[in-house]
Each structure stands twice: as structure tokens, then as C-alpha cells.
């Protein structure tokens, strides 16, 4: 069995598609069956105190943010390879569009989620969440729950970028017509 005789651009298109698929479907899974539904109680009450939720969120999503950032840079790298090497101008443009969609995720966090994350961090640093029987009667705990809902709503806006990047990456790969 021989190796595939594919161009560098085709390998970059495959890589870009794998990356965007991972970002889109990984985020979709986390949002529907992972940490977010547990934190906001969609699956029921797990008896988590607000402080525990805040700690879980901070631990989990910092690592997730790093993975998304790495994916954006890898997709940009793949899109650049395609832009400079692919013979079809349409495939080049669609691949670049995929990179732009994912690249727009970079300013999203500081612009739309930064204030929420900063307020959460201030509440967490204050160590003032443990009053009352479960710690949830504290006004700061109630504010934390509100912030969780706001964060999720704003995070859901990112799906426009995730889906746009994925559709363009898949479209460029299909138009490549060499796989």
C-alpha cells in the first residue's frame, strides 16, 4: 500500500478541518453534556456550593481557553500554507475565511467575557462566599450565579464563529477535490 500523493496544501486543508472540527464539536460537547450544564444545574442539583462551582469553572475553563487559543494559531498556520500554495483562488479564499472566523475568537474573550471573568475572580479572591447554610444566601454567591448565566449566553455567541470556521474549512477541503 503506497502513501497518498497529496500536496502540502491538501495536508494543510485536512489539518485545518481537523482543528476546526475539534474546536466546534469539543465546545459543543462541553456546553451540552459537560461542565456548563453541571455548573448551571441543567442536569439537576449536585449540591455544589457556589464557591465550588466558581473553583470548578476557573480550573476547567482556563485550560480550555489555552486549547482554543492553540487551535486558533494552528488553524491560522494551516490557512497560511493554503493561501500561499494552493492553485485554486477560491480554495485559498475559503481557507483564509476559516482562519478569520477562528481568529475572531481571540478578541472575543477580553471584549465580551473579560468583565465577567474579572468580577468572578474578585469574588473568588474575596473568599466571601461561605455564609449561610450552603453559602448560597450570600449576595456575592447570587451574583456569581447571575454571572454564570451571563457568561453562558455570551459564550453561545461564539458558535457563530465556530460554525463559520468549520463550514469554511470543510468547504475548502471539499473544493480541493484531491482527497
C-alpha atoms as a PDB file:
ATOM      1  CA  UNK A   1       0.000   0.000   0.000  1.00  0.00           C
ATOM      2  CA  UNK A   2       1.543   3.305  -1.084  1.00  0.00           C
ATOM      3  CA  UNK A   3       1.362   6.684   0.521  1.00  0.00           C
ATOM      4  CA  UNK A   4      -1.141   9.300  -0.513  1.00  0.00           C
ATOM      5  CA  UNK A   5       0.229  11.624  -3.147  1.00  0.00           C
ATOM      6  CA  UNK A   6      -1.256  14.820  -1.770  1.00  0.00           C
ATOM      7  CA  UNK A   7       0.101  18.336  -1.894  1.00  0.00           C
ATOM      8  CA  UNK A   8       1.218  20.358   1.109  1.00  0.00           C
ATOM      9  CA  UNK A   9      -1.916  22.476   0.657  1.00  0.00           C
ATOM     10  CA  UNK A  10      -4.163  19.431   0.875  1.00  0.00           C
ATOM     11  CA  UNK A  11      -2.467  18.291   4.071  1.00  0.00           C
ATOM     12  CA  UNK A  12      -2.930  21.818   5.452  1.00  0.00           C
ATOM     13  CA  UNK A  13      -6.619  21.726   4.488  1.00  0.00           C
ATOM     14  CA  UNK A  14      -7.006  18.385   6.260  1.00  0.00           C
ATOM     15  CA  UNK A  15      -5.211  19.768   9.321  1.00  0.00           C
ATOM     16  CA  UNK A  16      -7.363  22.906   9.348  1.00  0.00           C
ATOM     17  CA  UNK A  17     -10.507  20.812   9.105  1.00  0.00           C
ATOM     18  CA  UNK A  18      -9.439  18.520  11.947  1.00  0.00           C
ATOM     19  CA  UNK A  19      -8.640  21.552  14.107  1.00  0.00           C
ATOM     20  CA  UNK A  20     -11.902  23.384  13.433  1.00  0.00           C
ATOM     21  CA  UNK A  21     -13.898  20.185  13.939  1.00  0.00           C
ATOM     22  CA  UNK A  22     -12.185  19.650  17.278  1.00  0.00           C
ATOM     23  CA  UNK A  23     -12.891  23.216  18.412  1.00  0.00           C
ATOM     24  CA  UNK A  24     -16.523  23.210  17.281  1.00  0.00           C
ATOM     25  CA  UNK A  25     -17.583  19.772  18.427  1.00  0.00           C
ATOM     26  CA  UNK A  26     -15.474  19.828  21.592  1.00  0.00           C
ATOM     27  CA  UNK A  27     -17.052  23.110  22.642  1.00  0.00           C
ATOM     28  CA  UNK A  28     -20.489  21.845  21.705  1.00  0.00           C
ATOM     29  CA  UNK A  29     -19.963  18.759  23.862  1.00  0.00           C
ATOM     30  CA  UNK A  30     -18.751  20.769  26.838  1.00  0.00           C
ATOM     31  CA  UNK A  31     -21.685  23.153  26.505  1.00  0.00           C
ATOM     32  CA  UNK A  32     -24.343  20.459  26.210  1.00  0.00           C
ATOM     33  CA  UNK A  33     -23.065  17.490  28.220  1.00  0.00           C
ATOM     34  CA  UNK A  34     -20.021  18.747  30.114  1.00  0.00           C
ATOM     35  CA  UNK A  35     -19.105  21.324  32.701  1.00  0.00           C
ATOM     36  CA  UNK A  36     -21.589  24.065  31.793  1.00  0.00           C
ATOM     37  CA  UNK A  37     -24.762  22.024  32.352  1.00  0.00           C
ATOM     38  CA  UNK A  38     -23.361  20.732  35.632  1.00  0.00           C
ATOM     39  CA  UNK A  39     -22.493  24.236  36.787  1.00  0.00           C
ATOM     40  CA  UNK A  40     -25.835  25.772  35.863  1.00  0.00           C
ATOM     41  CA  UNK A  41     -27.915  22.844  37.119  1.00  0.00           C
ATOM     42  CA  UNK A  42     -29.426  21.665  33.826  1.00  0.00           C
ATOM     43  CA  UNK A  43     -28.907  18.050  34.862  1.00  0.00           C
ATOM     44  CA  UNK A  44     -30.199  18.595  38.372  1.00  0.00           C
ATOM     45  CA  UNK A  45     -28.846  19.822  41.653  1.00  0.00           C
ATOM     46  CA  UNK A  46     -25.496  18.272  42.502  1.00  0.00           C
ATOM     47  CA  UNK A  47     -25.305  20.087  45.815  1.00  0.00           C
ATOM     48  CA  UNK A  48     -22.365  22.159  44.643  1.00  0.00           C
ATOM     49  CA  UNK A  49     -21.829  25.326  46.615  1.00  0.00           C
ATOM     50  CA  UNK A  50     -21.298  28.486  44.627  1.00  0.00           C
ATOM     51  CA  UNK A  51     -17.671  28.579  45.735  1.00  0.00           C
ATOM     52  CA  UNK A  52     -17.176  25.041  44.397  1.00  0.00           C
ATOM     53  CA  UNK A  53     -18.781  26.000  41.086  1.00  0.00           C
ATOM     54  CA  UNK A  54     -16.548  29.035  40.802  1.00  0.00           C
ATOM     55  CA  UNK A  55     -13.449  26.966  41.539  1.00  0.00           C
ATOM     56  CA  UNK A  56     -14.513  24.305  39.018  1.00  0.00           C
ATOM     57  CA  UNK A  57     -15.169  26.939  36.385  1.00  0.00           C
ATOM     58  CA  UNK A  58     -11.826  28.642  36.930  1.00  0.00           C
ATOM     59  CA  UNK A  59      -9.879  25.385  36.810  1.00  0.00           C
ATOM     60  CA  UNK A  60     -11.668  23.867  33.835  1.00  0.00           C
ATOM     61  CA  UNK A  61     -12.059  26.837  31.535  1.00  0.00           C
ATOM     62  CA  UNK A  62      -8.553  28.239  31.909  1.00  0.00           C
ATOM     63  CA  UNK A  63      -7.231  25.033  30.376  1.00  0.00           C
ATOM     64  CA  UNK A  64      -9.989  25.038  27.761  1.00  0.00           C
ATOM     65  CA  UNK A  65      -9.115  28.597  26.807  1.00  0.00           C
ATOM     66  CA  UNK A  66      -5.494  27.617  26.235  1.00  0.00           C
ATOM     67  CA  UNK A  67      -6.567  24.781  23.943  1.00  0.00           C
ATOM     68  CA  UNK A  68      -8.837  27.079  21.949  1.00  0.00           C
ATOM     69  CA  UNK A  69      -6.003  29.588  21.591  1.00  0.00           C
ATOM     70  CA  UNK A  70      -3.638  26.874  20.358  1.00  0.00           C
ATOM     71  CA  UNK A  71      -6.285  25.704  17.874  1.00  0.00           C
ATOM     72  CA  UNK A  72      -6.715  29.234  16.524  1.00  0.00           C
ATOM     73  CA  UNK A  73      -2.976  29.557  15.923  1.00  0.00           C
ATOM     74  CA  UNK A  74      -2.717  26.127  14.304  1.00  0.00           C
ATOM     75  CA  UNK A  75      -5.660  26.919  12.034  1.00  0.00           C
ATOM     76  CA  UNK A  76      -4.045  30.234  11.083  1.00  0.00           C
ATOM     77  CA  UNK A  77      -0.849  28.348  10.226  1.00  0.00           C
ATOM     78  CA  UNK A  78      -2.746  25.855   8.045  1.00  0.00           C
ATOM     79  CA  UNK A  79      -4.701  28.659   6.354  1.00  0.00           C
ATOM     80  CA  UNK A  80      -1.456  30.493   5.595  1.00  0.00           C
ATOM     81  CA  UNK A  81       0.032  27.390   3.956  1.00  0.00           C
ATOM     82  CA  UNK A  82      -3.080  27.053   1.794  1.00  0.00           C
ATOM     83  CA  UNK A  83      -3.108  30.776   0.955  1.00  0.00           C
ATOM     84  CA  UNK A  84       0.440  30.636  -0.393  1.00  0.00           C
ATOM     85  CA  UNK A  85       0.450  27.204  -2.018  1.00  0.00           C
ATOM     86  CA  UNK A  86      -2.958  26.160  -3.305  1.00  0.00           C
ATOM     87  CA  UNK A  87      -3.564  26.551  -7.061  1.00  0.00           C
ATOM     88  CA  UNK A  88      -7.254  27.471  -6.690  1.00  0.00           C
ATOM     89  CA  UNK A  89      -8.017  31.072  -5.680  1.00  0.00           C
ATOM     90  CA  UNK A  90     -11.441  30.009  -4.393  1.00  0.00           C
ATOM     91  CA  UNK A  91      -9.979  27.357  -2.094  1.00  0.00           C
ATOM     92  CA  UNK A  92      -7.392  29.883  -0.877  1.00  0.00           C
ATOM     93  CA  UNK A  93     -10.092  32.436  -0.044  1.00  0.00           C
ATOM     94  CA  UNK A  94     -12.383  29.939   1.687  1.00  0.00           C
ATOM     95  CA  UNK A  95      -9.471  28.597   3.744  1.00  0.00           C
ATOM     96  CA  UNK A  96      -8.495  32.129   4.747  1.00  0.00           C
ATOM     97  CA  UNK A  97     -12.126  32.778   5.739  1.00  0.00           C
ATOM     98  CA  UNK A  98     -11.921  29.766   8.068  1.00  0.00           C
ATOM     99  CA  UNK A  99      -8.825  31.258   9.672  1.00  0.00           C
ATOM    100  CA  UNK A 100     -10.537  34.636  10.020  1.00  0.00           C
ATOM    101  CA  UNK A 101     -13.608  33.117  11.695  1.00  0.00           C
ATOM    102  CA  UNK A 102     -11.466  31.329  14.265  1.00  0.00           C
ATOM    103  CA  UNK A 103      -9.142  34.313  14.573  1.00  0.00           C
ATOM    104  CA  UNK A 104     -12.086  36.454  15.646  1.00  0.00           C
ATOM    105  CA  UNK A 105     -12.286  34.261  18.755  1.00  0.00           C
ATOM    106  CA  UNK A 106      -9.110  35.928  20.062  1.00  0.00           C
ATOM    107  CA  UNK A 107     -10.643  39.337  20.865  1.00  0.00           C
ATOM    108  CA  UNK A 108     -13.941  37.751  21.907  1.00  0.00           C
ATOM    109  CA  UNK A 109     -12.800  36.678  25.355  1.00  0.00           C
ATOM    110  CA  UNK A 110     -11.401  40.014  26.550  1.00  0.00           C
ATOM    111  CA  UNK A 111     -14.176  42.054  24.942  1.00  0.00           C
ATOM    112  CA  UNK A 112     -17.270  40.052  25.890  1.00  0.00           C
ATOM    113  CA  UNK A 113     -16.172  37.716  28.664  1.00  0.00           C
ATOM    114  CA  UNK A 114     -13.344  39.663  30.299  1.00  0.00           C
ATOM    115  CA  UNK A 115     -15.513  41.752  32.619  1.00  0.00           C
ATOM    116  CA  UNK A 116     -17.397  38.665  33.813  1.00  0.00           C
ATOM    117  CA  UNK A 117     -14.184  36.740  34.397  1.00  0.00           C
ATOM    118  CA  UNK A 118     -12.681  39.693  36.299  1.00  0.00           C
ATOM    119  CA  UNK A 119     -15.745  40.019  38.529  1.00  0.00           C
ATOM    120  CA  UNK A 120     -15.715  36.281  39.206  1.00  0.00           C
ATOM    121  CA  UNK A 121     -12.044  36.434  40.117  1.00  0.00           C
ATOM    122  CA  UNK A 122     -12.681  39.340  42.502  1.00  0.00           C
ATOM    123  CA  UNK A 123     -15.500  37.427  44.188  1.00  0.00           C
ATOM    124  CA  UNK A 124     -13.377  34.301  44.418  1.00  0.00           C
ATOM    125  CA  UNK A 125     -10.391  36.227  45.802  1.00  0.00           C
ATOM    126  CA  UNK A 126     -12.594  37.900  48.416  1.00  0.00           C
ATOM    127  CA  UNK A 127     -13.222  34.467  49.961  1.00  0.00           C
ATOM    128  CA  UNK A 128     -16.663  35.776  50.936  1.00  0.00           C
ATOM    129  CA  UNK A 129     -18.954  33.045  49.651  1.00  0.00           C
ATOM    130  CA  UNK A 130     -19.339  30.802  52.681  1.00  0.00           C
ATOM    131  CA  UNK A 131     -22.057  32.474  54.744  1.00  0.00           C
ATOM    132  CA  UNK A 132     -25.388  30.767  55.293  1.00  0.00           C
ATOM    133  CA  UNK A 133     -26.118  27.052  55.387  1.00  0.00           C
ATOM    134  CA  UNK A 134     -24.811  26.317  51.912  1.00  0.00           C
ATOM    135  CA  UNK A 135     -23.035  29.606  51.296  1.00  0.00           C
ATOM    136  CA  UNK A 136     -25.554  30.450  48.574  1.00  0.00           C
ATOM    137  CA  UNK A 137     -27.565  33.016  50.526  1.00  0.00           C
ATOM    138  CA  UNK A 138     -24.703  35.488  50.295  1.00  0.00           C
ATOM    139  CA  UNK A 139     -25.332  38.315  47.778  1.00  0.00           C
ATOM    140  CA  UNK A 140     -21.943  37.597  46.198  1.00  0.00           C
ATOM    141  CA  UNK A 141     -22.994  33.983  45.672  1.00  0.00           C
ATOM    142  CA  UNK A 142     -26.190  35.124  43.969  1.00  0.00           C
ATOM    143  CA  UNK A 143     -24.178  37.483  41.786  1.00  0.00           C
ATOM    144  CA  UNK A 144     -21.883  34.601  40.863  1.00  0.00           C
ATOM    145  CA  UNK A 145     -24.885  32.588  39.674  1.00  0.00           C
ATOM    146  CA  UNK A 146     -26.035  35.567  37.576  1.00  0.00           C
ATOM    147  CA  UNK A 147     -22.559  35.864  36.101  1.00  0.00           C
ATOM    148  CA  UNK A 148     -22.599  32.177  35.177  1.00  0.00           C
ATOM    149  CA  UNK A 149     -25.811  32.688  33.203  1.00  0.00           C
ATOM    150  CA  UNK A 150     -24.411  35.816  31.510  1.00  0.00           C
ATOM    151  CA  UNK A 151     -21.181  34.014  30.659  1.00  0.00           C
ATOM    152  CA  UNK A 152     -23.034  31.119  29.071  1.00  0.00           C
ATOM    153  CA  UNK A 153     -25.224  33.430  26.972  1.00  0.00           C
ATOM    154  CA  UNK A 154     -22.218  35.340  25.677  1.00  0.00           C
ATOM    155  CA  UNK A 155     -20.243  32.149  25.156  1.00  0.00           C
ATOM    156  CA  UNK A 156     -23.058  30.822  22.961  1.00  0.00           C
ATOM    157  CA  UNK A 157     -22.490  33.761  20.592  1.00  0.00           C
ATOM    158  CA  UNK A 158     -19.107  32.222  19.813  1.00  0.00           C
ATOM    159  CA  UNK A 159     -20.853  29.410  17.961  1.00  0.00           C
ATOM    160  CA  UNK A 160     -21.298  31.779  15.031  1.00  0.00           C
ATOM    161  CA  UNK A 161     -17.511  31.891  14.749  1.00  0.00           C
ATOM    162  CA  UNK A 162     -17.018  28.179  15.475  1.00  0.00           C
ATOM    163  CA  UNK A 163     -19.568  27.119  12.847  1.00  0.00           C
ATOM    164  CA  UNK A 164     -18.320  29.668  10.317  1.00  0.00           C
ATOM    165  CA  UNK A 165     -14.745  28.419  10.681  1.00  0.00           C
ATOM    166  CA  UNK A 166     -15.802  24.797  10.450  1.00  0.00           C
ATOM    167  CA  UNK A 167     -18.039  25.292   7.380  1.00  0.00           C
ATOM    168  CA  UNK A 168     -15.284  27.175   5.561  1.00  0.00           C
ATOM    169  CA  UNK A 169     -12.629  24.590   6.459  1.00  0.00           C
ATOM    170  CA  UNK A 170     -14.853  21.744   5.309  1.00  0.00           C
ATOM    171  CA  UNK A 171     -15.860  23.645   2.168  1.00  0.00           C
ATOM    172  CA  UNK A 172     -12.236  24.318   1.241  1.00  0.00           C
ATOM    173  CA  UNK A 173     -11.357  20.658   1.763  1.00  0.00           C
ATOM    174  CA  UNK A 174     -14.272  19.506  -0.408  1.00  0.00           C
ATOM    175  CA  UNK A 175     -13.403  22.042  -3.130  1.00  0.00           C
ATOM    176  CA  UNK A 176      -9.795  20.850  -3.064  1.00  0.00           C
ATOM    177  CA  UNK A 177     -11.106  17.722  -4.803  1.00  0.00           C
ATOM    178  CA  UNK A 178      -7.893  15.769  -4.176  1.00  0.00           C
ATOM    179  CA  UNK A 179      -8.891  13.714  -1.155  1.00  0.00           C
END
